Amino acid sequence: LQLGMTVHIPAQNAQAGKGEFDGIKVENFGF
C-alpha cells in the first residue's frame, strides 16, 4: 500500500517497535 488510515497510537508503536510492533519497527511511512 502507499497510503493508509490508522489510529495514531499504532503508528507511534510501529515507528518505535513497541506494542503491536514489538521488536519490528516500520519506518518507511510518514504522518
PDB file of all heavy atoms in Angstrom:
ATOM      1  N   LEU A   1       0.851  -1.181   0.000  1.00  0.00           N
ATOM      2  CA  LEU A   1       0.000   0.000   0.000  1.00  0.00           C
ATOM      3  C   LEU A   1       0.891   1.236   0.000  1.00  0.00           C
ATOM      4  O   LEU A   1       2.030   1.184   0.469  1.00  0.00           O
ATOM      5  CB  LEU A   1      -0.898   0.046   1.247  1.00  0.00           C
ATOM      6  CG  LEU A   1      -1.975  -1.017   1.429  1.00  0.00           C
ATOM      7  CD1 LEU A   1      -2.626  -0.851   2.805  1.00  0.00           C
ATOM      8  CD2 LEU A   1      -3.028  -0.937   0.337  1.00  0.00           C
ATOM      9  N   GLN A   2       0.344   2.342  -0.498  1.00  0.00           N
ATOM     10  CA  GLN A   2       1.109   3.589  -0.498  1.00  0.00           C
ATOM     11  C   GLN A   2       0.556   4.607   0.498  1.00  0.00           C
ATOM     12  O   GLN A   2       1.271   5.471   0.981  1.00  0.00           O
ATOM     13  CB  GLN A   2       1.095   4.198  -1.912  1.00  0.00           C
ATOM     14  CG  GLN A   2       1.850   3.384  -2.945  1.00  0.00           C
ATOM     15  CD  GLN A   2       1.111   2.118  -3.347  1.00  0.00           C
ATOM     16  OE1 GLN A   2      -0.109   2.157  -3.592  1.00  0.00           O
ATOM     17  NE2 GLN A   2       1.817   1.006  -3.426  1.00  0.00           N
ATOM     18  N   LEU A   3      -0.739   4.512   0.808  1.00  0.00           N
ATOM     19  CA  LEU A   3      -1.388   5.390   1.769  1.00  0.00           C
ATOM     20  C   LEU A   3      -2.201   4.528   2.729  1.00  0.00           C
ATOM     21  O   LEU A   3      -2.646   3.437   2.358  1.00  0.00           O
ATOM     22  CB  LEU A   3      -2.327   6.391   1.077  1.00  0.00           C
ATOM     23  CG  LEU A   3      -1.715   7.343   0.047  1.00  0.00           C
ATOM     24  CD1 LEU A   3      -2.825   8.098  -0.697  1.00  0.00           C
ATOM     25  CD2 LEU A   3      -0.767   8.329   0.727  1.00  0.00           C
ATOM     26  N   GLY A   4      -2.423   5.014   3.951  1.00  0.00           N
ATOM     27  CA  GLY A   4      -3.206   4.239   4.892  1.00  0.00           C
ATOM     28  C   GLY A   4      -3.836   5.109   5.964  1.00  0.00           C
ATOM     29  O   GLY A   4      -3.286   6.129   6.361  1.00  0.00           O
ATOM     30  N   MET A   5      -5.010   4.674   6.427  1.00  0.00           N
ATOM     31  CA  MET A   5      -5.677   5.310   7.558  1.00  0.00           C
ATOM     32  C   MET A   5      -5.359   4.469   8.795  1.00  0.00           C
ATOM     33  O   MET A   5      -5.360   3.245   8.731  1.00  0.00           O
ATOM     34  CB  MET A   5      -7.180   5.382   7.304  1.00  0.00           C
ATOM     35  CG  MET A   5      -7.538   6.175   6.059  1.00  0.00           C
ATOM     36  SD  MET A   5      -9.267   5.999   5.532  1.00  0.00           S
ATOM     37  CE  MET A   5     -10.122   6.992   6.754  1.00  0.00           C
ATOM     38  N   THR A   6      -5.086   5.125   9.911  1.00  0.00           N
ATOM     39  CA  THR A   6      -4.708   4.397  11.116  1.00  0.00           C
ATOM     40  C   THR A   6      -4.986   5.232  12.354  1.00  0.00           C
ATOM     41  O   THR A   6      -5.009   6.467  12.292  1.00  0.00           O
ATOM     42  CB  THR A   6      -3.209   4.015  11.087  1.00  0.00           C
ATOM     43  OG1 THR A   6      -2.851   3.391  12.317  1.00  0.00           O
ATOM     44  CG2 THR A   6      -2.324   5.223  10.890  1.00  0.00           C
ATOM     45  N   VAL A   7      -5.200   4.551  13.468  1.00  0.00           N
ATOM     46  CA  VAL A   7      -5.187   5.236  14.763  1.00  0.00           C
ATOM     47  C   VAL A   7      -3.754   5.691  15.004  1.00  0.00           C
ATOM     48  O   VAL A   7      -2.799   4.987  14.669  1.00  0.00           O
ATOM     49  CB  VAL A   7      -5.645   4.273  15.884  1.00  0.00           C
ATOM     50  CG1 VAL A   7      -5.599   4.967  17.239  1.00  0.00           C
ATOM     51  CG2 VAL A   7      -7.055   3.757  15.595  1.00  0.00           C
ATOM     52  N   HIS A   8      -3.574   6.869  15.597  1.00  0.00           N
ATOM     53  CA  HIS A   8      -2.220   7.417  15.714  1.00  0.00           C
ATOM     54  C   HIS A   8      -1.340   6.606  16.659  1.00  0.00           C
ATOM     55  O   HIS A   8      -0.111   6.587  16.502  1.00  0.00           O
ATOM     56  CB  HIS A   8      -2.265   8.889  16.132  1.00  0.00           C
ATOM     57  CG  HIS A   8      -2.469   9.161  17.592  1.00  0.00           C
ATOM     58  ND1 HIS A   8      -3.686   9.031  18.224  1.00  0.00           N
ATOM     59  CD2 HIS A   8      -1.597   9.556  18.559  1.00  0.00           C
ATOM     60  CE1 HIS A   8      -3.559   9.349  19.498  1.00  0.00           C
ATOM     61  NE2 HIS A   8      -2.301   9.670  19.733  1.00  0.00           N
ATOM     62  N   ILE A   9      -1.924   5.901  17.625  1.00  0.00           N
ATOM     63  CA  ILE A   9      -1.115   5.151  18.593  1.00  0.00           C
ATOM     64  C   ILE A   9      -0.420   3.940  17.957  1.00  0.00           C
ATOM     65  O   ILE A   9       0.786   3.741  18.167  1.00  0.00           O
ATOM     66  CB  ILE A   9      -1.964   4.780  19.821  1.00  0.00           C
ATOM     67  CG1 ILE A   9      -2.345   6.068  20.564  1.00  0.00           C
ATOM     68  CG2 ILE A   9      -1.205   3.838  20.753  1.00  0.00           C
ATOM     69  CD1 ILE A   9      -3.335   5.890  21.690  1.00  0.00           C
ATOM     70  N   PRO A  10      -1.102   3.101  17.163  1.00  0.00           N
ATOM     71  CA  PRO A  10      -0.362   2.041  16.456  1.00  0.00           C
ATOM     72  C   PRO A  10       0.728   2.591  15.539  1.00  0.00           C
ATOM     73  O   PRO A  10       1.772   1.957  15.362  1.00  0.00           O
ATOM     74  CB  PRO A  10      -1.456   1.327  15.646  1.00  0.00           C
ATOM     75  CG  PRO A  10      -2.704   1.553  16.426  1.00  0.00           C
ATOM     76  CD  PRO A  10      -2.561   2.941  16.989  1.00  0.00           C
ATOM     77  N   ALA A  11       0.500   3.769  14.959  1.00  0.00           N
ATOM     78  CA  ALA A  11       1.530   4.380  14.111  1.00  0.00           C
ATOM     79  C   ALA A  11       2.761   4.728  14.946  1.00  0.00           C
ATOM     80  O   ALA A  11       3.904   4.493  14.529  1.00  0.00           O
ATOM     81  CB  ALA A  11       0.979   5.626  13.425  1.00  0.00           C
ATOM     82  N   GLN A  12       2.542   5.288  16.135  1.00  0.00           N
ATOM     83  CA  GLN A  12       3.665   5.577  17.036  1.00  0.00           C
ATOM     84  C   GLN A  12       4.389   4.290  17.420  1.00  0.00           C
ATOM     85  O   GLN A  12       5.623   4.239  17.444  1.00  0.00           O
ATOM     86  CB  GLN A  12       3.146   6.279  18.303  1.00  0.00           C
ATOM     87  CG  GLN A  12       2.621   7.682  18.070  1.00  0.00           C
ATOM     88  CD  GLN A  12       1.960   8.261  19.310  1.00  0.00           C
ATOM     89  OE1 GLN A  12       1.487   7.533  20.186  1.00  0.00           O
ATOM     90  NE2 GLN A  12       1.911   9.577  19.400  1.00  0.00           N
ATOM     91  N   ASN A  13       3.612   3.249  17.723  1.00  0.00           N
ATOM     92  CA  ASN A  13       4.209   1.966  18.104  1.00  0.00           C
ATOM     93  C   ASN A  13       5.029   1.369  16.973  1.00  0.00           C
ATOM     94  O   ASN A  13       6.083   0.771  17.196  1.00  0.00           O
ATOM     95  CB  ASN A  13       3.118   0.983  18.534  1.00  0.00           C
ATOM     96  CG  ASN A  13       2.496   1.337  19.871  1.00  0.00           C
ATOM     97  OD1 ASN A  13       3.072   2.093  20.658  1.00  0.00           O
ATOM     98  ND2 ASN A  13       1.320   0.799  20.144  1.00  0.00           N
ATOM     99  N   ALA A  14       4.545   1.523  15.741  1.00  0.00           N
ATOM    100  CA  ALA A  14       5.247   0.965  14.582  1.00  0.00           C
ATOM    101  C   ALA A  14       6.620   1.597  14.416  1.00  0.00           C
ATOM    102  O   ALA A  14       7.620   0.902  14.193  1.00  0.00           O
ATOM    103  CB  ALA A  14       4.411   1.161  13.314  1.00  0.00           C
ATOM    104  N   GLN A  15       6.683   2.921  14.511  1.00  0.00           N
ATOM    105  CA  GLN A  15       7.967   3.596  14.322  1.00  0.00           C
ATOM    106  C   GLN A  15       8.912   3.375  15.504  1.00  0.00           C
ATOM    107  O   GLN A  15      10.128   3.464  15.345  1.00  0.00           O
ATOM    108  CB  GLN A  15       7.743   5.096  14.072  1.00  0.00           C
ATOM    109  CG  GLN A  15       7.095   5.361  12.712  1.00  0.00           C
ATOM    110  CD  GLN A  15       7.060   6.826  12.323  1.00  0.00           C
ATOM    111  OE1 GLN A  15       7.362   7.710  13.103  1.00  0.00           O
ATOM    112  NE2 GLN A  15       6.677   7.084  11.082  1.00  0.00           N
ATOM    113  N   ALA A  16       8.344   3.037  16.677  1.00  0.00           N
ATOM    114  CA  ALA A  16       9.180   2.799  17.857  1.00  0.00           C
ATOM    115  C   ALA A  16       9.482   1.319  18.071  1.00  0.00           C
ATOM    116  O   ALA A  16      10.324   0.967  18.900  1.00  0.00           O
ATOM    117  CB  ALA A  16       8.487   3.358  19.099  1.00  0.00           C
ATOM    118  N   GLY A  17       8.784   0.434  17.322  1.00  0.00           N
ATOM    119  CA  GLY A  17       8.969  -1.004  17.517  1.00  0.00           C
ATOM    120  C   GLY A  17       8.412  -1.487  18.841  1.00  0.00           C
ATOM    121  O   GLY A  17       8.974  -2.359  19.489  1.00  0.00           O
ATOM    122  N   LYS A  18       7.259  -0.945  19.227  1.00  0.00           N
ATOM    123  CA  LYS A  18       6.630  -1.304  20.501  1.00  0.00           C
ATOM    124  C   LYS A  18       5.210  -1.818  20.276  1.00  0.00           C
ATOM    125  O   LYS A  18       4.703  -1.802  19.162  1.00  0.00           O
ATOM    126  CB  LYS A  18       6.590  -0.077  21.431  1.00  0.00           C
ATOM    127  CG  LYS A  18       7.946   0.477  21.816  1.00  0.00           C
ATOM    128  CD  LYS A  18       7.794   1.695  22.707  1.00  0.00           C
ATOM    129  CE  LYS A  18       9.155   2.265  23.115  1.00  0.00           C
ATOM    130  NZ  LYS A  18       9.001   3.491  23.953  1.00  0.00           N
ATOM    131  N   GLY A  19       4.570  -2.251  21.358  1.00  0.00           N
ATOM    132  CA  GLY A  19       3.177  -2.664  21.296  1.00  0.00           C
ATOM    133  C   GLY A  19       2.928  -3.738  20.253  1.00  0.00           C
ATOM    134  O   GLY A  19       3.583  -4.785  20.256  1.00  0.00           O
ATOM    135  N   GLU A  20       2.006  -3.478  19.341  1.00  0.00           N
ATOM    136  CA  GLU A  20       1.667  -4.430  18.288  1.00  0.00           C
ATOM    137  C   GLU A  20       2.861  -4.717  17.375  1.00  0.00           C
ATOM    138  O   GLU A  20       2.887  -5.729  16.669  1.00  0.00           O
ATOM    139  CB  GLU A  20       0.506  -3.900  17.430  1.00  0.00           C
ATOM    140  CG  GLU A  20      -0.697  -3.383  18.210  1.00  0.00           C
ATOM    141  CD  GLU A  20      -0.578  -1.898  18.538  1.00  0.00           C
ATOM    142  OE1 GLU A  20       0.550  -1.417  18.792  1.00  0.00           O
ATOM    143  OE2 GLU A  20      -1.615  -1.224  18.555  1.00  0.00           O
ATOM    144  N   PHE A  21       3.842  -3.817  17.381  1.00  0.00           N
ATOM    145  CA  PHE A  21       5.028  -3.956  16.528  1.00  0.00           C
ATOM    146  C   PHE A  21       6.278  -4.226  17.373  1.00  0.00           C
ATOM    147  O   PHE A  21       7.379  -3.829  16.992  1.00  0.00           O
ATOM    148  CB  PHE A  21       5.217  -2.683  15.697  1.00  0.00           C
ATOM    149  CG  PHE A  21       4.100  -2.442  14.715  1.00  0.00           C
ATOM    150  CD1 PHE A  21       2.991  -1.689  15.069  1.00  0.00           C
ATOM    151  CD2 PHE A  21       4.160  -2.982  13.435  1.00  0.00           C
ATOM    152  CE1 PHE A  21       1.954  -1.464  14.170  1.00  0.00           C
ATOM    153  CE2 PHE A  21       3.129  -2.760  12.534  1.00  0.00           C
ATOM    154  CZ  PHE A  21       2.024  -2.003  12.905  1.00  0.00           C
ATOM    155  N   ASP A  22       6.099  -4.900  18.494  1.00  0.00           N
ATOM    156  CA  ASP A  22       7.200  -5.158  19.417  1.00  0.00           C
ATOM    157  C   ASP A  22       8.380  -5.822  18.706  1.00  0.00           C
ATOM    158  O   ASP A  22       8.268  -6.924  18.170  1.00  0.00           O
ATOM    159  CB  ASP A  22       6.715  -6.054  20.558  1.00  0.00           C
ATOM    160  CG  ASP A  22       7.764  -6.229  21.640  1.00  0.00           C
ATOM    161  OD1 ASP A  22       8.627  -5.351  21.770  1.00  0.00           O
ATOM    162  OD2 ASP A  22       7.723  -7.249  22.345  1.00  0.00           O
ATOM    163  N   GLY A  23       9.511  -5.118  18.669  1.00  0.00           N
ATOM    164  CA  GLY A  23      10.722  -5.653  18.057  1.00  0.00           C
ATOM    165  C   GLY A  23      10.769  -5.588  16.544  1.00  0.00           C
ATOM    166  O   GLY A  23      11.748  -6.015  15.931  1.00  0.00           O
ATOM    167  N   ILE A  24       9.711  -5.053  15.923  1.00  0.00           N
ATOM    168  CA  ILE A  24       9.684  -4.980  14.451  1.00  0.00           C
ATOM    169  C   ILE A  24       9.303  -3.559  14.048  1.00  0.00           C
ATOM    170  O   ILE A  24       8.117  -3.234  13.905  1.00  0.00           O
ATOM    171  CB  ILE A  24       8.677  -5.980  13.846  1.00  0.00           C
ATOM    172  CG1 ILE A  24       8.933  -7.390  14.370  1.00  0.00           C
ATOM    173  CG2 ILE A  24       8.756  -5.963  12.317  1.00  0.00           C
ATOM    174  CD1 ILE A  24       7.881  -8.398  13.962  1.00  0.00           C
ATOM    175  N   LYS A  25      10.270  -2.700  13.883  1.00  0.00           N
ATOM    176  CA  LYS A  25       9.991  -1.314  13.502  1.00  0.00           C
ATOM    177  C   LYS A  25       9.545  -1.221  12.047  1.00  0.00           C
ATOM    178  O   LYS A  25      10.062  -1.919  11.181  1.00  0.00           O
ATOM    179  CB  LYS A  25      11.238  -0.447  13.693  1.00  0.00           C
ATOM    180  CG  LYS A  25      11.613  -0.183  15.141  1.00  0.00           C
ATOM    181  CD  LYS A  25      12.775   0.801  15.213  1.00  0.00           C
ATOM    182  CE  LYS A  25      13.154   1.101  16.648  1.00  0.00           C
ATOM    183  NZ  LYS A  25      14.257   2.090  16.717  1.00  0.00           N
ATOM    184  N   VAL A  26       8.580  -0.346  11.803  1.00  0.00           N
ATOM    185  CA  VAL A  26       8.183   0.015  10.437  1.00  0.00           C
ATOM    186  C   VAL A  26       8.449   1.508  10.325  1.00  0.00           C
ATOM    187  O   VAL A  26       7.784   2.314  10.979  1.00  0.00           O
ATOM    188  CB  VAL A  26       6.704  -0.300  10.151  1.00  0.00           C
ATOM    189  CG1 VAL A  26       6.358   0.054   8.702  1.00  0.00           C
ATOM    190  CG2 VAL A  26       6.393  -1.762  10.438  1.00  0.00           C
ATOM    191  N   GLU A  27       9.406   1.873   9.512  1.00  0.00           N
ATOM    192  CA  GLU A  27       9.863   3.269   9.483  1.00  0.00           C
ATOM    193  C   GLU A  27       9.706   3.953   8.127  1.00  0.00           C
ATOM    194  O   GLU A  27      10.040   5.129   7.999  1.00  0.00           O
ATOM    195  CB  GLU A  27      11.330   3.329   9.917  1.00  0.00           C
ATOM    196  CG  GLU A  27      11.560   2.817  11.341  1.00  0.00           C
ATOM    197  CD  GLU A  27      13.026   2.822  11.731  1.00  0.00           C
ATOM    198  OE1 GLU A  27      13.786   2.047  11.126  1.00  0.00           O
ATOM    199  OE2 GLU A  27      13.404   3.621  12.615  1.00  0.00           O
ATOM    200  N   ASN A  28       9.189   3.220   7.132  1.00  0.00           N
ATOM    201  CA  ASN A  28       9.116   3.808   5.783  1.00  0.00           C
ATOM    202  C   ASN A  28       7.779   4.495   5.524  1.00  0.00           C
ATOM    203  O   ASN A  28       7.228   4.432   4.428  1.00  0.00           O
ATOM    204  CB  ASN A  28       9.352   2.729   4.723  1.00  0.00           C
ATOM    205  CG  ASN A  28       8.244   1.698   4.677  1.00  0.00           C
ATOM    206  OD1 ASN A  28       7.660   1.359   5.704  1.00  0.00           O
ATOM    207  ND2 ASN A  28       7.952   1.185   3.491  1.00  0.00           N
ATOM    208  N   PHE A  29       7.227   5.151   6.554  1.00  0.00           N
ATOM    209  CA  PHE A  29       5.996   5.914   6.354  1.00  0.00           C
ATOM    210  C   PHE A  29       6.069   7.191   7.172  1.00  0.00           C
ATOM    211  O   PHE A  29       6.830   7.286   8.138  1.00  0.00           O
ATOM    212  CB  PHE A  29       4.753   5.100   6.737  1.00  0.00           C
ATOM    213  CG  PHE A  29       4.586   4.890   8.224  1.00  0.00           C
ATOM    214  CD1 PHE A  29       3.850   5.775   8.997  1.00  0.00           C
ATOM    215  CD2 PHE A  29       5.174   3.792   8.854  1.00  0.00           C
ATOM    216  CE1 PHE A  29       3.703   5.583  10.371  1.00  0.00           C
ATOM    217  CE2 PHE A  29       5.029   3.585  10.218  1.00  0.00           C
ATOM    218  CZ  PHE A  29       4.283   4.488  10.975  1.00  0.00           C
ATOM    219  N   GLY A  30       5.263   8.160   6.786  1.00  0.00           N
ATOM    220  CA  GLY A  30       5.242   9.423   7.495  1.00  0.00           C
ATOM    221  C   GLY A  30       3.825   9.937   7.685  1.00  0.00           C
ATOM    222  O   GLY A  30       2.925   9.626   6.900  1.00  0.00           O
ATOM    223  N   PHE A  31       3.640  10.720   8.726  1.00  0.00           N
ATOM    224  CA  PHE A  31       2.358  11.358   9.052  1.00  0.00           C
ATOM    225  C   PHE A  31       1.979  12.340   7.943  1.00  0.00           C
ATOM    226  O   PHE A  31       2.807  13.128   7.489  1.00  0.00           O
ATOM    227  CB  PHE A  31       2.516  12.093  10.385  1.00  0.00           C
ATOM    228  CG  PHE A  31       1.330  12.905  10.829  1.00  0.00           C
ATOM    229  CD1 PHE A  31       0.339  12.342  11.606  1.00  0.00           C
ATOM    230  CD2 PHE A  31       1.227  14.250  10.491  1.00  0.00           C
ATOM    231  CE1 PHE A  31      -0.748  13.093  12.049  1.00  0.00           C
ATOM    232  CE2 PHE A  31       0.155  15.013  10.926  1.00  0.00           C
ATOM    233  CZ  PHE A  31      -0.837  14.439  11.703  1.00  0.00           C
TER     234      PHE A  31
END
